[in-house]
Amino acid sequence: MKALSLAAFVLLAACHPAAEAPKQITLTSQSITLPVETATLPAEILSVNCAACHSPEMILSQPKLKPEQWQAEVTKMRGAYKASIDEKDDAKIIAALLALPNQK
């Protein structure tokens, strides 16, 4: 029985692939140059609540939305993306978004 166990062990060991040497990984540093920010937001409430994640250019280029659509966006940012937007500021934010040149 011992001989059979030893034979099984030798057979299994022969089937097991040899341990491979660890692969060498080389990391390189990369850099990018971001464009210079030229746009400014006309309302501080947008700078405080929106510009932490969105560039002014992005905010200023949004399609024209109705107040209820902007409310849905603000609610989504707070819920889905955990934006620290105080609900009491919603009306001010929406009014500022509606007053943007691209919204008129």
C-alpha atoms as a PDB file:
ATOM      1  CA  MET A   1       0.000   0.000   0.000  1.00  0.00           C
ATOM      2  CA  LYS A   2       2.893   2.288   0.839  1.00  0.00           C
ATOM      3  CA  ALA A   3       4.475   1.608  -2.535  1.00  0.00           C
ATOM      4  CA  LEU A   4       1.184   2.445  -4.287  1.00  0.00           C
ATOM      5  CA  SER A   5       0.886   5.743  -2.398  1.00  0.00           C
ATOM      6  CA  LEU A   6       4.473   6.628  -3.253  1.00  0.00           C
ATOM      7  CA  ALA A   7       3.899   5.783  -6.910  1.00  0.00           C
ATOM      8  CA  ALA A   8       0.747   7.936  -6.991  1.00  0.00           C
ATOM      9  CA  PHE A   9       2.655  10.820  -5.396  1.00  0.00           C
ATOM     10  CA  VAL A  10       5.499  10.545  -7.938  1.00  0.00           C
ATOM     11  CA  LEU A  11       3.014  10.362 -10.823  1.00  0.00           C
ATOM     12  CA  LEU A  12       1.085  13.418  -9.582  1.00  0.00           C
ATOM     13  CA  ALA A  13       4.297  15.348  -9.004  1.00  0.00           C
ATOM     14  CA  ALA A  14       5.403  14.597 -12.551  1.00  0.00           C
ATOM     15  CA  CYS A  15       2.112  15.984 -13.914  1.00  0.00           C
ATOM     16  CA  HIS A  16       2.316  19.228 -11.956  1.00  0.00           C
ATOM     17  CA  PRO A  17       3.931  22.026 -13.968  1.00  0.00           C
ATOM     18  CA  ALA A  18       7.223  23.310 -12.654  1.00  0.00           C
ATOM     19  CA  ALA A  19       6.998  26.498 -10.679  1.00  0.00           C
ATOM     20  CA  GLU A  20       7.471  29.457 -12.975  1.00  0.00           C
ATOM     21  CA  ALA A  21       9.747  32.305 -12.090  1.00  0.00           C
ATOM     22  CA  PRO A  22       7.818  35.437 -11.156  1.00  0.00           C
ATOM     23  CA  LYS A  23       7.311  37.803 -14.058  1.00  0.00           C
ATOM     24  CA  GLN A  24       9.142  41.100 -13.911  1.00  0.00           C
ATOM     25  CA  ILE A  25       6.862  44.136 -14.186  1.00  0.00           C
ATOM     26  CA  THR A  26       8.323  47.497 -15.022  1.00  0.00           C
ATOM     27  CA  LEU A  27       6.324  50.587 -14.143  1.00  0.00           C
ATOM     28  CA  THR A  28       6.904  53.827 -15.980  1.00  0.00           C
ATOM     29  CA  SER A  29       5.743  57.289 -15.087  1.00  0.00           C
ATOM     30  CA  GLN A  30       3.602  59.218 -17.555  1.00  0.00           C
ATOM     31  CA  SER A  31       2.504  62.822 -17.550  1.00  0.00           C
ATOM     32  CA  ILE A  32      -0.205  64.784 -19.276  1.00  0.00           C
ATOM     33  CA  THR A  33      -0.736  68.482 -19.743  1.00  0.00           C
ATOM     34  CA  LEU A  34      -4.232  69.701 -18.990  1.00  0.00           C
ATOM     35  CA  PRO A  35      -5.628  72.714 -20.802  1.00  0.00           C
ATOM     36  CA  VAL A  36      -5.584  76.026 -19.015  1.00  0.00           C
ATOM     37  CA  GLU A  37      -8.927  76.798 -17.362  1.00  0.00           C
ATOM     38  CA  THR A  38     -10.278  79.964 -18.962  1.00  0.00           C
ATOM     39  CA  ALA A  39     -13.985  79.942 -18.172  1.00  0.00           C
ATOM     40  CA  THR A  40     -15.419  81.215 -14.932  1.00  0.00           C
ATOM     41  CA  LEU A  41     -18.797  80.542 -13.451  1.00  0.00           C
ATOM     42  CA  PRO A  42     -21.062  83.543 -12.899  1.00  0.00           C
ATOM     43  CA  ALA A  43     -22.485  82.242  -9.610  1.00  0.00           C
ATOM     44  CA  GLU A  44     -20.530  81.314  -6.490  1.00  0.00           C
ATOM     45  CA  ILE A  45     -23.132  78.655  -5.610  1.00  0.00           C
ATOM     46  CA  LEU A  46     -22.071  76.750  -8.760  1.00  0.00           C
ATOM     47  CA  SER A  47     -18.378  77.151  -7.985  1.00  0.00           C
ATOM     48  CA  VAL A  48     -18.893  75.816  -4.473  1.00  0.00           C
ATOM     49  CA  ASN A  49     -21.230  72.929  -5.317  1.00  0.00           C
ATOM     50  CA  CYS A  50     -20.473  71.921  -8.894  1.00  0.00           C
ATOM     51  CA  ALA A  51     -16.902  72.886  -9.808  1.00  0.00           C
ATOM     52  CA  ALA A  52     -15.383  70.407  -7.361  1.00  0.00           C
ATOM     53  CA  CYS A  53     -16.157  67.696  -9.927  1.00  0.00           C
ATOM     54  CA  HIS A  54     -17.085  69.557 -13.132  1.00  0.00           C
ATOM     55  CA  SER A  55     -15.037  72.078 -15.078  1.00  0.00           C
ATOM     56  CA  PRO A  56     -16.631  75.454 -15.729  1.00  0.00           C
ATOM     57  CA  GLU A  57     -16.515  74.691 -19.477  1.00  0.00           C
ATOM     58  CA  MET A  58     -18.481  71.510 -18.893  1.00  0.00           C
ATOM     59  CA  ILE A  59     -21.076  73.297 -16.753  1.00  0.00           C
ATOM     60  CA  LEU A  60     -21.398  76.130 -19.262  1.00  0.00           C
ATOM     61  CA  SER A  61     -21.887  73.744 -22.186  1.00  0.00           C
ATOM     62  CA  GLN A  62     -24.852  71.796 -20.807  1.00  0.00           C
ATOM     63  CA  PRO A  63     -28.001  71.595 -22.916  1.00  0.00           C
ATOM     64  CA  LYS A  64     -30.967  73.727 -21.989  1.00  0.00           C
ATOM     65  CA  LEU A  65     -32.969  71.960 -19.280  1.00  0.00           C
ATOM     66  CA  LYS A  66     -36.207  72.682 -17.476  1.00  0.00           C
ATOM     67  CA  PRO A  67     -36.167  73.366 -13.706  1.00  0.00           C
ATOM     68  CA  GLU A  68     -37.441  69.872 -12.883  1.00  0.00           C
ATOM     69  CA  GLN A  69     -34.726  68.324 -15.054  1.00  0.00           C
ATOM     70  CA  TRP A  70     -32.046  70.330 -13.248  1.00  0.00           C
ATOM     71  CA  GLN A  71     -33.553  69.227  -9.931  1.00  0.00           C
ATOM     72  CA  ALA A  72     -33.275  65.604 -11.060  1.00  0.00           C
ATOM     73  CA  GLU A  73     -29.606  66.188 -11.974  1.00  0.00           C
ATOM     74  CA  VAL A  74     -28.796  67.809  -8.626  1.00  0.00           C
ATOM     75  CA  THR A  75     -30.603  64.995  -6.790  1.00  0.00           C
ATOM     76  CA  LYS A  76     -28.679  62.424  -8.854  1.00  0.00           C
ATOM     77  CA  MET A  77     -25.335  64.068  -8.036  1.00  0.00           C
ATOM     78  CA  ARG A  78     -26.151  63.968  -4.329  1.00  0.00           C
ATOM     79  CA  GLY A  79     -27.504  60.397  -4.367  1.00  0.00           C
ATOM     80  CA  ALA A  80     -25.524  58.474  -6.966  1.00  0.00           C
ATOM     81  CA  TYR A  81     -22.227  60.350  -6.711  1.00  0.00           C
ATOM     82  CA  LYS A  82     -22.368  61.392  -3.044  1.00  0.00           C
ATOM     83  CA  ALA A  83     -21.882  65.095  -3.842  1.00  0.00           C
ATOM     84  CA  SER A  84     -21.957  67.136  -0.653  1.00  0.00           C
ATOM     85  CA  ILE A  85     -24.775  69.390  -1.842  1.00  0.00           C
ATOM     86  CA  ASP A  86     -27.023  70.619   0.945  1.00  0.00           C
ATOM     87  CA  GLU A  87     -30.677  70.175  -0.021  1.00  0.00           C
ATOM     88  CA  LYS A  88     -31.422  73.683   1.221  1.00  0.00           C
ATOM     89  CA  ASP A  89     -29.191  74.994  -1.616  1.00  0.00           C
ATOM     90  CA  ASP A  90     -31.088  73.180  -4.385  1.00  0.00           C
ATOM     91  CA  ALA A  91     -33.294  76.146  -5.315  1.00  0.00           C
ATOM     92  CA  LYS A  92     -30.281  78.510  -5.521  1.00  0.00           C
ATOM     93  CA  ILE A  93     -28.302  76.026  -7.593  1.00  0.00           C
ATOM     94  CA  ILE A  94     -31.167  75.443 -10.000  1.00  0.00           C
ATOM     95  CA  ALA A  95     -31.808  79.175 -10.357  1.00  0.00           C
ATOM     96  CA  ALA A  96     -28.101  79.721 -11.110  1.00  0.00           C
ATOM     97  CA  LEU A  97     -28.082  76.913 -13.677  1.00  0.00           C
ATOM     98  CA  LEU A  98     -31.187  78.317 -15.368  1.00  0.00           C
ATOM     99  CA  ALA A  99     -29.519  81.767 -15.519  1.00  0.00           C
ATOM    100  CA  LEU A 100     -26.453  80.501 -17.391  1.00  0.00           C
ATOM    101  CA  PRO A 101     -26.058  81.966 -20.887  1.00  0.00           C
ATOM    102  CA  ASN A 102     -26.526  78.564 -22.525  1.00  0.00           C
ATOM    103  CA  GLN A 103     -29.843  78.073 -20.684  1.00  0.00           C
ATOM    104  CA  LYS A 104     -31.594  81.217 -21.927  1.00  0.00           C
END
